[in-house]
C-alpha atoms as a PDB file:
ATOM      1  CA  UNK A   1      40.130   8.985   6.547  1.00  0.00           C
ATOM      2  CA  UNK A   2      36.381   9.508   6.288  1.00  0.00           C
ATOM      3  CA  UNK A   3      35.043   9.334   2.706  1.00  0.00           C
ATOM      4  CA  UNK A   4      34.125  12.629   1.044  1.00  0.00           C
ATOM      5  CA  UNK A   5      30.399  11.810   0.931  1.00  0.00           C
ATOM      6  CA  UNK A   6      30.092  11.421   4.685  1.00  0.00           C
ATOM      7  CA  UNK A   7      32.027  14.538   5.663  1.00  0.00           C
ATOM      8  CA  UNK A   8      30.907  16.908   2.916  1.00  0.00           C
ATOM      9  CA  UNK A   9      34.547  17.913   2.390  1.00  0.00           C
ATOM     10  CA  UNK A  10      35.769  18.649  -1.108  1.00  0.00           C
ATOM     11  CA  UNK A  11      38.788  16.590  -2.150  1.00  0.00           C
ATOM     12  CA  UNK A  12      40.828  18.146  -4.967  1.00  0.00           C
ATOM     13  CA  UNK A  13      43.668  16.769  -7.026  1.00  0.00           C
ATOM     14  CA  UNK A  14      45.092  20.295  -7.468  1.00  0.00           C
ATOM     15  CA  UNK A  15      44.795  23.010  -4.801  1.00  0.00           C
ATOM     16  CA  UNK A  16      43.252  26.307  -5.951  1.00  0.00           C
ATOM     17  CA  UNK A  17      44.884  29.698  -5.620  1.00  0.00           C
ATOM     18  CA  UNK A  18      43.094  33.032  -5.882  1.00  0.00           C
ATOM     19  CA  UNK A  19      44.422  34.722  -9.026  1.00  0.00           C
ATOM     20  CA  UNK A  20      42.888  37.602 -10.911  1.00  0.00           C
ATOM     21  CA  UNK A  21      44.379  37.440 -14.391  1.00  0.00           C
ATOM     22  CA  UNK A  22      42.790  39.334 -17.263  1.00  0.00           C
ATOM     23  CA  UNK A  23      42.253  37.782 -20.653  1.00  0.00           C
ATOM     24  CA  UNK A  24      39.607  36.756 -23.130  1.00  0.00           C
ATOM     25  CA  UNK A  25      37.891  33.654 -24.414  1.00  0.00           C
ATOM     26  CA  UNK A  26      35.660  32.359 -27.156  1.00  0.00           C
ATOM     27  CA  UNK A  27      33.336  29.417 -27.309  1.00  0.00           C
ATOM     28  CA  UNK A  28      34.626  26.797 -29.754  1.00  0.00           C
ATOM     29  CA  UNK A  29      32.119  23.971 -29.375  1.00  0.00           C
ATOM     30  CA  UNK A  30      29.206  23.497 -29.591  1.00  0.00           C
ATOM     31  CA  UNK A  31      28.434  26.977 -30.949  1.00  0.00           C
ATOM     32  CA  UNK A  32      31.597  28.171 -32.743  1.00  0.00           C
ATOM     33  CA  UNK A  33      31.227  31.712 -31.415  1.00  0.00           C
ATOM     34  CA  UNK A  34      33.810  33.901 -33.173  1.00  0.00           C
ATOM     35  CA  UNK A  35      33.666  36.902 -30.868  1.00  0.00           C
ATOM     36  CA  UNK A  36      36.110  37.021 -27.988  1.00  0.00           C
ATOM     37  CA  UNK A  37      34.715  38.025 -24.617  1.00  0.00           C
ATOM     38  CA  UNK A  38      36.744  39.587 -21.788  1.00  0.00           C
ATOM     39  CA  UNK A  39      37.318  37.720 -18.550  1.00  0.00           C
ATOM     40  CA  UNK A  40      39.164  37.860 -15.279  1.00  0.00           C
ATOM     41  CA  UNK A  41      39.985  34.647 -13.468  1.00  0.00           C
ATOM     42  CA  UNK A  42      38.856  34.087  -9.905  1.00  0.00           C
ATOM     43  CA  UNK A  43      40.852  30.956  -9.032  1.00  0.00           C
ATOM     44  CA  UNK A  44      43.429  28.781 -10.825  1.00  0.00           C
ATOM     45  CA  UNK A  45      44.797  25.319 -10.094  1.00  0.00           C
ATOM     46  CA  UNK A  46      47.093  22.896 -11.857  1.00  0.00           C
ATOM     47  CA  UNK A  47      44.064  21.323 -13.512  1.00  0.00           C
ATOM     48  CA  UNK A  48      41.840  24.269 -14.435  1.00  0.00           C
ATOM     49  CA  UNK A  49      40.367  27.607 -13.453  1.00  0.00           C
ATOM     50  CA  UNK A  50      37.183  29.402 -12.470  1.00  0.00           C
ATOM     51  CA  UNK A  51      35.960  32.702 -13.896  1.00  0.00           C
ATOM     52  CA  UNK A  52      32.839  34.857 -13.982  1.00  0.00           C
ATOM     53  CA  UNK A  53      30.919  35.486 -17.203  1.00  0.00           C
ATOM     54  CA  UNK A  54      27.895  37.508 -18.227  1.00  0.00           C
ATOM     55  CA  UNK A  55      26.633  34.573 -20.307  1.00  0.00           C
ATOM     56  CA  UNK A  56      25.913  31.017 -19.199  1.00  0.00           C
ATOM     57  CA  UNK A  57      28.329  28.409 -20.524  1.00  0.00           C
ATOM     58  CA  UNK A  58      26.984  24.898 -20.944  1.00  0.00           C
ATOM     59  CA  UNK A  59      28.665  22.021 -19.163  1.00  0.00           C
ATOM     60  CA  UNK A  60      30.897  20.221 -21.667  1.00  0.00           C
ATOM     61  CA  UNK A  61      31.454  23.294 -23.883  1.00  0.00           C
ATOM     62  CA  UNK A  62      34.964  23.749 -25.306  1.00  0.00           C
ATOM     63  CA  UNK A  63      36.618  27.167 -25.123  1.00  0.00           C
ATOM     64  CA  UNK A  64      39.799  28.891 -26.309  1.00  0.00           C
ATOM     65  CA  UNK A  65      41.515  31.246 -23.860  1.00  0.00           C
ATOM     66  CA  UNK A  66      44.169  33.922 -23.781  1.00  0.00           C
ATOM     67  CA  UNK A  67      45.361  35.070 -20.371  1.00  0.00           C
ATOM     68  CA  UNK A  68      47.876  37.879 -20.156  1.00  0.00           C
ATOM     69  CA  UNK A  69      50.895  37.659 -17.851  1.00  0.00           C
ATOM     70  CA  UNK A  70      53.054  40.788 -18.108  1.00  0.00           C
ATOM     71  CA  UNK A  71      51.379  41.640 -21.434  1.00  0.00           C
ATOM     72  CA  UNK A  72      52.316  38.244 -22.930  1.00  0.00           C
ATOM     73  CA  UNK A  73      49.443  35.910 -23.790  1.00  0.00           C
ATOM     74  CA  UNK A  74      49.198  32.350 -22.573  1.00  0.00           C
ATOM     75  CA  UNK A  75      46.893  30.475 -24.933  1.00  0.00           C
ATOM     76  CA  UNK A  76      45.138  27.214 -24.142  1.00  0.00           C
ATOM     77  CA  UNK A  77      41.897  25.290 -24.514  1.00  0.00           C
ATOM     78  CA  UNK A  78      39.619  24.120 -21.727  1.00  0.00           C
ATOM     79  CA  UNK A  79      36.287  22.408 -21.178  1.00  0.00           C
ATOM     80  CA  UNK A  80      33.470  23.676 -18.941  1.00  0.00           C
ATOM     81  CA  UNK A  81      32.890  21.287 -16.036  1.00  0.00           C
ATOM     82  CA  UNK A  82      30.199  23.286 -14.231  1.00  0.00           C
ATOM     83  CA  UNK A  83      28.375  26.630 -14.297  1.00  0.00           C
ATOM     84  CA  UNK A  84      26.443  28.267 -11.443  1.00  0.00           C
ATOM     85  CA  UNK A  85      24.238  31.338 -11.782  1.00  0.00           C
ATOM     86  CA  UNK A  86      24.901  34.027  -9.181  1.00  0.00           C
ATOM     87  CA  UNK A  87      22.775  37.101  -8.505  1.00  0.00           C
ATOM     88  CA  UNK A  88      24.038  40.330 -10.047  1.00  0.00           C
ATOM     89  CA  UNK A  89      24.920  43.328  -7.907  1.00  0.00           C
ATOM     90  CA  UNK A  90      22.339  46.093  -7.409  1.00  0.00           C
ATOM     91  CA  UNK A  91      19.571  44.162  -9.210  1.00  0.00           C
ATOM     92  CA  UNK A  92      21.597  43.890 -12.406  1.00  0.00           C
ATOM     93  CA  UNK A  93      21.672  40.836 -14.635  1.00  0.00           C
ATOM     94  CA  UNK A  94      23.070  37.658 -13.084  1.00  0.00           C
ATOM     95  CA  UNK A  95      26.639  36.483 -13.548  1.00  0.00           C
ATOM     96  CA  UNK A  96      27.762  32.925 -14.128  1.00  0.00           C
ATOM     97  CA  UNK A  97      30.652  31.270 -12.304  1.00  0.00           C
ATOM     98  CA  UNK A  98      32.181  28.621 -14.570  1.00  0.00           C
ATOM     99  CA  UNK A  99      34.696  25.947 -13.634  1.00  0.00           C
ATOM    100  CA  UNK A 100      36.990  24.688 -16.396  1.00  0.00           C
ATOM    101  CA  UNK A 101      39.350  21.772 -16.867  1.00  0.00           C
ATOM    102  CA  UNK A 102      42.450  22.469 -18.982  1.00  0.00           C
ATOM    103  CA  UNK A 103      42.556  20.470 -22.218  1.00  0.00           C
ATOM    104  CA  UNK A 104      45.572  21.712 -24.154  1.00  0.00           C
ATOM    105  CA  UNK A 105      48.136  23.687 -22.143  1.00  0.00           C
ATOM    106  CA  UNK A 106      51.814  23.167 -21.362  1.00  0.00           C
ATOM    107  CA  UNK A 107      53.077  22.512 -17.854  1.00  0.00           C
ATOM    108  CA  UNK A 108      55.310  25.561 -18.299  1.00  0.00           C
ATOM    109  CA  UNK A 109      52.257  27.750 -18.935  1.00  0.00           C
ATOM    110  CA  UNK A 110      50.412  26.307 -15.915  1.00  0.00           C
ATOM    111  CA  UNK A 111      53.452  27.176 -13.784  1.00  0.00           C
ATOM    112  CA  UNK A 112      53.478  30.732 -15.182  1.00  0.00           C
ATOM    113  CA  UNK A 113      49.803  31.158 -14.332  1.00  0.00           C
ATOM    114  CA  UNK A 114      50.243  29.862 -10.802  1.00  0.00           C
ATOM    115  CA  UNK A 115      53.409  31.857 -10.107  1.00  0.00           C
ATOM    116  CA  UNK A 116      52.289  35.180 -11.603  1.00  0.00           C
END
């Protein structure tokens, strides 16, 4: 197989699935933000997820999440791995796509998220 660098292909440990699950999050570290902000996931994998936010989230930040499957919350922590600014629609403020790696979550909850 040709190495990733030469082909430009992305090699992932966990395949992503498109899942739009509503929930909320709060920044734990470094800022200890107490307010919870709404979110909807874009993609989920066995190792993390990606969502859009109205605020930039710094790489390395720790967050607490609640995602709701059939009105029941799945709670976990994750760490921001990357954030990319994207232009807003109709000249509105930009949005930020953020990729996260799960820190504390059960395998059972990952399965629920992927199978919902």
